[in-house]
């Protein structure tokens, strides 16, 4: 979920199929709502930066070559 959300707020390439693969229905709803908000309302640069910083610790956990 964090990887999808981070790629969405950072403007990176993302795959909507990732949403369907989430095991929790609440997570799927959250990602869909975030996607819809970003596509219809958009984020200011400050909001984009803040969201990116908030997701960074979670995306780093799953970064290639990172072991925890």
PDB file of N, CA and C in Angstrom:
ATOM      1  N   UNK A   1       0.829  -1.181   0.000  1.00  0.00           N
ATOM      2  CA  UNK A   1       0.000   0.000   0.000  1.00  0.00           C
ATOM      3  C   UNK A   1       0.873   1.245   0.000  1.00  0.00           C
ATOM      4  N   UNK A   2       1.898   1.252   0.825  1.00  0.00           N
ATOM      5  CA  UNK A   2       2.769   2.430   0.905  1.00  0.00           C
ATOM      6  C   UNK A   2       3.491   2.677  -0.407  1.00  0.00           C
ATOM      7  N   UNK A   3       3.931   1.614  -1.062  1.00  0.00           N
ATOM      8  CA  UNK A   3       4.636   1.770  -2.330  1.00  0.00           C
ATOM      9  C   UNK A   3       3.727   2.387  -3.386  1.00  0.00           C
ATOM     10  N   UNK A   4       2.475   1.931  -3.452  1.00  0.00           N
ATOM     11  CA  UNK A   4       1.533   2.492  -4.414  1.00  0.00           C
ATOM     12  C   UNK A   4       1.269   3.954  -4.110  1.00  0.00           C
ATOM     13  N   UNK A   5       0.974   4.257  -2.850  1.00  0.00           N
ATOM     14  CA  UNK A   5       0.674   5.631  -2.467  1.00  0.00           C
ATOM     15  C   UNK A   5       1.865   6.548  -2.717  1.00  0.00           C
ATOM     16  N   UNK A   6       3.056   6.085  -2.397  1.00  0.00           N
ATOM     17  CA  UNK A   6       4.255   6.902  -2.613  1.00  0.00           C
ATOM     18  C   UNK A   6       4.468   7.174  -4.090  1.00  0.00           C
ATOM     19  N   UNK A   7       4.292   6.161  -4.931  1.00  0.00           N
ATOM     20  CA  UNK A   7       4.484   6.380  -6.362  1.00  0.00           C
ATOM     21  C   UNK A   7       3.422   7.317  -6.915  1.00  0.00           C
ATOM     22  N   UNK A   8       2.232   7.258  -6.367  1.00  0.00           N
ATOM     23  CA  UNK A   8       1.164   8.150  -6.809  1.00  0.00           C
ATOM     24  C   UNK A   8       1.452   9.593  -6.439  1.00  0.00           C
ATOM     25  N   UNK A   9       1.820   9.860  -5.204  1.00  0.00           N
ATOM     26  CA  UNK A   9       2.069  11.247  -4.791  1.00  0.00           C
ATOM     27  C   UNK A   9       3.363  11.800  -5.377  1.00  0.00           C
ATOM     28  N   UNK A  10       4.307  10.912  -5.720  1.00  0.00           N
ATOM     29  CA  UNK A  10       5.562  11.364  -6.309  1.00  0.00           C
ATOM     30  C   UNK A  10       5.483  11.492  -7.822  1.00  0.00           C
ATOM     31  N   UNK A  11       4.378  11.097  -8.403  1.00  0.00           N
ATOM     32  CA  UNK A  11       4.232  11.177  -9.845  1.00  0.00           C
ATOM     33  C   UNK A  11       5.007  10.105 -10.587  1.00  0.00           C
ATOM     34  N   UNK A  12       5.423   9.076  -9.883  1.00  0.00           N
ATOM     35  CA  UNK A  12       6.129   7.959 -10.514  1.00  0.00           C
ATOM     36  C   UNK A  12       5.129   7.055 -11.223  1.00  0.00           C
ATOM     37  N   UNK A  13       5.648   6.172 -12.032  1.00  0.00           N
ATOM     38  CA  UNK A  13       4.802   5.195 -12.700  1.00  0.00           C
ATOM     39  C   UNK A  13       4.209   4.263 -11.642  1.00  0.00           C
ATOM     40  N   UNK A  14       2.939   3.943 -11.788  1.00  0.00           N
ATOM     41  CA  UNK A  14       2.288   3.047 -10.834  1.00  0.00           C
ATOM     42  C   UNK A  14       1.382   2.095 -11.582  1.00  0.00           C
ATOM     43  N   UNK A  15       0.988   1.033 -10.908  1.00  0.00           N
ATOM     44  CA  UNK A  15       0.169  -0.012 -11.488  1.00  0.00           C
ATOM     45  C   UNK A  15      -1.102  -0.146 -10.651  1.00  0.00           C
ATOM     46  N   UNK A  16      -2.238   0.153 -11.256  1.00  0.00           N
ATOM     47  CA  UNK A  16      -3.504   0.067 -10.514  1.00  0.00           C
ATOM     48  C   UNK A  16      -3.829  -1.361 -10.083  1.00  0.00           C
ATOM     49  N   UNK A  17      -3.251  -2.331 -10.739  1.00  0.00           N
ATOM     50  CA  UNK A  17      -3.480  -3.732 -10.345  1.00  0.00           C
ATOM     51  C   UNK A  17      -2.948  -3.998  -8.945  1.00  0.00           C
ATOM     52  N   UNK A  18      -1.986  -3.198  -8.498  1.00  0.00           N
ATOM     53  CA  UNK A  18      -1.462  -3.362  -7.135  1.00  0.00           C
ATOM     54  C   UNK A  18      -2.572  -3.211  -6.103  1.00  0.00           C
ATOM     55  N   UNK A  19      -3.558  -2.382  -6.391  1.00  0.00           N
ATOM     56  CA  UNK A  19      -4.659  -2.160  -5.448  1.00  0.00           C
ATOM     57  C   UNK A  19      -5.428  -3.456  -5.234  1.00  0.00           C
ATOM     58  N   UNK A  20      -5.703  -4.172  -6.316  1.00  0.00           N
ATOM     59  CA  UNK A  20      -6.473  -5.406  -6.223  1.00  0.00           C
ATOM     60  C   UNK A  20      -5.728  -6.485  -5.446  1.00  0.00           C
ATOM     61  N   UNK A  21      -4.408  -6.383  -5.383  1.00  0.00           N
ATOM     62  CA  UNK A  21      -3.597  -7.382  -4.698  1.00  0.00           C
ATOM     63  C   UNK A  21      -3.502  -7.148  -3.191  1.00  0.00           C
ATOM     64  N   UNK A  22      -3.985  -6.003  -2.731  1.00  0.00           N
ATOM     65  CA  UNK A  22      -3.939  -5.726  -1.290  1.00  0.00           C
ATOM     66  C   UNK A  22      -4.878  -6.674  -0.554  1.00  0.00           C
ATOM     67  N   UNK A  23      -4.431  -7.280   0.533  1.00  0.00           N
ATOM     68  CA  UNK A  23      -5.257  -8.270   1.228  1.00  0.00           C
ATOM     69  C   UNK A  23      -6.425  -7.657   2.010  1.00  0.00           C
ATOM     70  N   UNK A  24      -6.307  -6.409   2.397  1.00  0.00           N
ATOM     71  CA  UNK A  24      -7.324  -5.800   3.244  1.00  0.00           C
ATOM     72  C   UNK A  24      -8.217  -4.864   2.429  1.00  0.00           C
ATOM     73  N   UNK A  25      -9.531  -5.044   2.550  1.00  0.00           N
ATOM     74  CA  UNK A  25     -10.482  -4.225   1.802  1.00  0.00           C
ATOM     75  C   UNK A  25     -10.354  -2.745   2.160  1.00  0.00           C
ATOM     76  N   UNK A  26     -10.078  -2.444   3.418  1.00  0.00           N
ATOM     77  CA  UNK A  26      -9.929  -1.050   3.835  1.00  0.00           C
ATOM     78  C   UNK A  26      -8.731  -0.401   3.144  1.00  0.00           C
ATOM     79  N   UNK A  27      -7.653  -1.162   2.961  1.00  0.00           N
ATOM     80  CA  UNK A  27      -6.483  -0.643   2.255  1.00  0.00           C
ATOM     81  C   UNK A  27      -6.817  -0.364   0.794  1.00  0.00           C
ATOM     82  N   UNK A  28      -7.598  -1.263   0.177  1.00  0.00           N
ATOM     83  CA  UNK A  28      -7.993  -1.056  -1.220  1.00  0.00           C
ATOM     84  C   UNK A  28      -8.824   0.210  -1.360  1.00  0.00           C
ATOM     85  N   UNK A  29      -9.758   0.408  -0.458  1.00  0.00           N
ATOM     86  CA  UNK A  29     -10.601   1.600  -0.493  1.00  0.00           C
ATOM     87  C   UNK A  29      -9.759   2.861  -0.305  1.00  0.00           C
ATOM     88  N   UNK A  30      -8.840   2.828   0.634  1.00  0.00           N
ATOM     89  CA  UNK A  30      -7.973   3.974   0.890  1.00  0.00           C
ATOM     90  C   UNK A  30      -7.149   4.326  -0.353  1.00  0.00           C
ATOM     91  N   UNK A  31      -6.555   3.333  -0.987  1.00  0.00           N
ATOM     92  CA  UNK A  31      -5.751   3.587  -2.186  1.00  0.00           C
ATOM     93  C   UNK A  31      -6.602   4.122  -3.334  1.00  0.00           C
ATOM     94  N   UNK A  32      -7.784   3.565  -3.507  1.00  0.00           N
ATOM     95  CA  UNK A  32      -8.669   4.063  -4.557  1.00  0.00           C
ATOM     96  C   UNK A  32      -9.081   5.508  -4.299  1.00  0.00           C
ATOM     97  N   UNK A  33      -9.358   5.826  -3.053  1.00  0.00           N
ATOM     98  CA  UNK A  33      -9.731   7.205  -2.720  1.00  0.00           C
ATOM     99  C   UNK A  33      -8.554   8.157  -2.927  1.00  0.00           C
ATOM    100  N   UNK A  34      -7.355   7.737  -2.562  1.00  0.00           N
ATOM    101  CA  UNK A  34      -6.168   8.552  -2.788  1.00  0.00           C
ATOM    102  C   UNK A  34      -5.959   8.766  -4.284  1.00  0.00           C
ATOM    103  N   UNK A  35      -6.086   7.711  -5.069  1.00  0.00           N
ATOM    104  CA  UNK A  35      -5.945   7.820  -6.516  1.00  0.00           C
ATOM    105  C   UNK A  35      -6.966   8.807  -7.077  1.00  0.00           C
ATOM    106  N   UNK A  36      -8.228   8.655  -6.687  1.00  0.00           N
ATOM    107  CA  UNK A  36      -9.282   9.542  -7.178  1.00  0.00           C
ATOM    108  C   UNK A  36      -9.006  10.995  -6.780  1.00  0.00           C
ATOM    109  N   UNK A  37      -8.589  11.217  -5.553  1.00  0.00           N
ATOM    110  CA  UNK A  37      -8.299  12.576  -5.095  1.00  0.00           C
ATOM    111  C   UNK A  37      -7.164  13.193  -5.911  1.00  0.00           C
ATOM    112  N   UNK A  38      -6.099  12.434  -6.101  1.00  0.00           N
ATOM    113  CA  UNK A  38      -4.956  12.957  -6.854  1.00  0.00           C
ATOM    114  C   UNK A  38      -5.319  13.251  -8.303  1.00  0.00           C
ATOM    115  N   UNK A  39      -6.201  12.452  -8.882  1.00  0.00           N
ATOM    116  CA  UNK A  39      -6.572  12.641 -10.279  1.00  0.00           C
ATOM    117  C   UNK A  39      -7.608  13.751 -10.461  1.00  0.00           C
ATOM    118  N   UNK A  40      -8.427  14.019  -9.452  1.00  0.00           N
ATOM    119  CA  UNK A  40      -9.476  15.032  -9.609  1.00  0.00           C
ATOM    120  C   UNK A  40      -9.124  16.362  -8.953  1.00  0.00           C
ATOM    121  N   UNK A  41      -8.614  16.316  -7.754  1.00  0.00           N
ATOM    122  CA  UNK A  41      -8.298  17.539  -7.013  1.00  0.00           C
ATOM    123  C   UNK A  41      -6.834  17.936  -7.174  1.00  0.00           C
ATOM    124  N   UNK A  42      -5.982  16.937  -7.099  1.00  0.00           N
ATOM    125  CA  UNK A  42      -4.548  17.175  -7.168  1.00  0.00           C
ATOM    126  C   UNK A  42      -3.985  17.574  -5.817  1.00  0.00           C
ATOM    127  N   UNK A  43      -2.671  17.568  -5.737  1.00  0.00           N
ATOM    128  CA  UNK A  43      -1.970  17.946  -4.513  1.00  0.00           C
ATOM    129  C   UNK A  43      -1.118  19.171  -4.801  1.00  0.00           C
ATOM    130  N   UNK A  44      -1.027  20.036  -3.818  1.00  0.00           N
ATOM    131  CA  UNK A  44      -0.088  21.138  -3.951  1.00  0.00           C
ATOM    132  C   UNK A  44       1.317  20.568  -3.809  1.00  0.00           C
ATOM    133  N   UNK A  45       2.308  21.328  -4.183  1.00  0.00           N
ATOM    134  CA  UNK A  45       3.688  20.851  -4.032  1.00  0.00           C
ATOM    135  C   UNK A  45       4.014  20.589  -2.558  1.00  0.00           C
ATOM    136  N   UNK A  46       3.502  21.425  -1.652  1.00  0.00           N
ATOM    137  CA  UNK A  46       3.729  21.209  -0.218  1.00  0.00           C
ATOM    138  C   UNK A  46       3.069  19.918   0.250  1.00  0.00           C
ATOM    139  N   UNK A  47       1.839  19.656  -0.193  1.00  0.00           N
ATOM    140  CA  UNK A  47       1.144  18.417   0.179  1.00  0.00           C
ATOM    141  C   UNK A  47       1.866  17.204  -0.395  1.00  0.00           C
ATOM    142  N   UNK A  48       2.327  17.335  -1.631  1.00  0.00           N
ATOM    143  CA  UNK A  48       3.052  16.244  -2.279  1.00  0.00           C
ATOM    144  C   UNK A  48       4.343  15.929  -1.515  1.00  0.00           C
ATOM    145  N   UNK A  49       5.069  16.960  -1.115  1.00  0.00           N
ATOM    146  CA  UNK A  49       6.317  16.773  -0.362  1.00  0.00           C
ATOM    147  C   UNK A  49       6.035  16.128   0.987  1.00  0.00           C
ATOM    148  N   UNK A  50       5.031  16.635   1.701  1.00  0.00           N
ATOM    149  CA  UNK A  50       4.694  16.104   3.024  1.00  0.00           C
ATOM    150  C   UNK A  50       4.263  14.638   2.944  1.00  0.00           C
ATOM    151  N   UNK A  51       3.440  14.313   1.947  1.00  0.00           N
ATOM    152  CA  UNK A  51       2.994  12.924   1.788  1.00  0.00           C
ATOM    153  C   UNK A  51       4.166  12.024   1.426  1.00  0.00           C
ATOM    154  N   UNK A  52       5.027  12.513   0.555  1.00  0.00           N
ATOM    155  CA  UNK A  52       6.201  11.732   0.160  1.00  0.00           C
ATOM    156  C   UNK A  52       7.096  11.446   1.366  1.00  0.00           C
ATOM    157  N   UNK A  53       7.314  12.446   2.193  1.00  0.00           N
ATOM    158  CA  UNK A  53       8.126  12.264   3.398  1.00  0.00           C
ATOM    159  C   UNK A  53       7.472  11.294   4.374  1.00  0.00           C
ATOM    160  N   UNK A  54       6.142  11.328   4.457  1.00  0.00           N
ATOM    161  CA  UNK A  54       5.432  10.437   5.370  1.00  0.00           C
ATOM    162  C   UNK A  54       5.533   8.980   4.918  1.00  0.00           C
ATOM    163  N   UNK A  55       5.513   8.733   3.602  1.00  0.00           N
ATOM    164  CA  UNK A  55       5.578   7.371   3.086  1.00  0.00           C
ATOM    165  C   UNK A  55       7.002   6.836   2.991  1.00  0.00           C
ATOM    166  N   UNK A  56       8.003   7.698   3.004  1.00  0.00           N
ATOM    167  CA  UNK A  56       9.380   7.289   2.771  1.00  0.00           C
ATOM    168  C   UNK A  56       9.861   6.158   3.681  1.00  0.00           C
ATOM    169  N   UNK A  57       9.641   6.215   4.991  1.00  0.00           N
ATOM    170  CA  UNK A  57      10.129   5.105   5.832  1.00  0.00           C
ATOM    171  C   UNK A  57       9.524   3.756   5.450  1.00  0.00           C
ATOM    172  N   UNK A  58       8.286   3.759   5.006  1.00  0.00           N
ATOM    173  CA  UNK A  58       7.616   2.509   4.655  1.00  0.00           C
ATOM    174  C   UNK A  58       8.099   1.975   3.312  1.00  0.00           C
ATOM    175  N   UNK A  59       8.368   2.871   2.373  1.00  0.00           N
ATOM    176  CA  UNK A  59       8.846   2.420   1.066  1.00  0.00           C
ATOM    177  C   UNK A  59      10.294   1.966   1.142  1.00  0.00           C
ATOM    178  N   UNK A  60      11.074   2.553   2.028  1.00  0.00           N
ATOM    179  CA  UNK A  60      12.468   2.137   2.176  1.00  0.00           C
ATOM    180  C   UNK A  60      12.579   0.714   2.705  1.00  0.00           C
ATOM    181  N   UNK A  61      11.625   0.302   3.502  1.00  0.00           N
ATOM    182  CA  UNK A  61      11.615  -1.060   4.043  1.00  0.00           C
ATOM    183  C   UNK A  61      11.591  -2.076   2.904  1.00  0.00           C
ATOM    184  N   UNK A  62      10.878  -1.756   1.845  1.00  0.00           N
ATOM    185  CA  UNK A  62      10.690  -2.697   0.738  1.00  0.00           C
ATOM    186  C   UNK A  62      11.585  -2.390  -0.447  1.00  0.00           C
ATOM    187  N   UNK A  63      12.505  -1.445  -0.312  1.00  0.00           N
ATOM    188  CA  UNK A  63      13.398  -1.102  -1.419  1.00  0.00           C
ATOM    189  C   UNK A  63      14.311  -2.270  -1.735  1.00  0.00           C
ATOM    190  N   UNK A  64      14.606  -2.426  -3.012  1.00  0.00           N
ATOM    191  CA  UNK A  64      15.487  -3.503  -3.466  1.00  0.00           C
ATOM    192  C   UNK A  64      16.841  -3.388  -2.765  1.00  0.00           C
ATOM    193  N   UNK A  65      17.284  -4.499  -2.246  1.00  0.00           N
ATOM    194  CA  UNK A  65      18.583  -4.529  -1.587  1.00  0.00           C
ATOM    195  C   UNK A  65      18.551  -4.139  -0.113  1.00  0.00           C
ATOM    196  N   UNK A  66      17.385  -3.780   0.402  1.00  0.00           N
ATOM    197  CA  UNK A  66      17.271  -3.409   1.803  1.00  0.00           C
ATOM    198  C   UNK A  66      16.866  -4.636   2.606  1.00  0.00           C
ATOM    199  N   UNK A  67      17.555  -4.876   3.687  1.00  0.00           N
ATOM    200  CA  UNK A  67      17.237  -6.018   4.542  1.00  0.00           C
ATOM    201  C   UNK A  67      16.917  -5.514   5.937  1.00  0.00           C
ATOM    202  N   UNK A  68      15.867  -6.068   6.520  1.00  0.00           N
ATOM    203  CA  UNK A  68      15.472  -5.726   7.895  1.00  0.00           C
ATOM    204  C   UNK A  68      15.205  -6.976   8.679  1.00  0.00           C
TER     205      UNK A  68
END
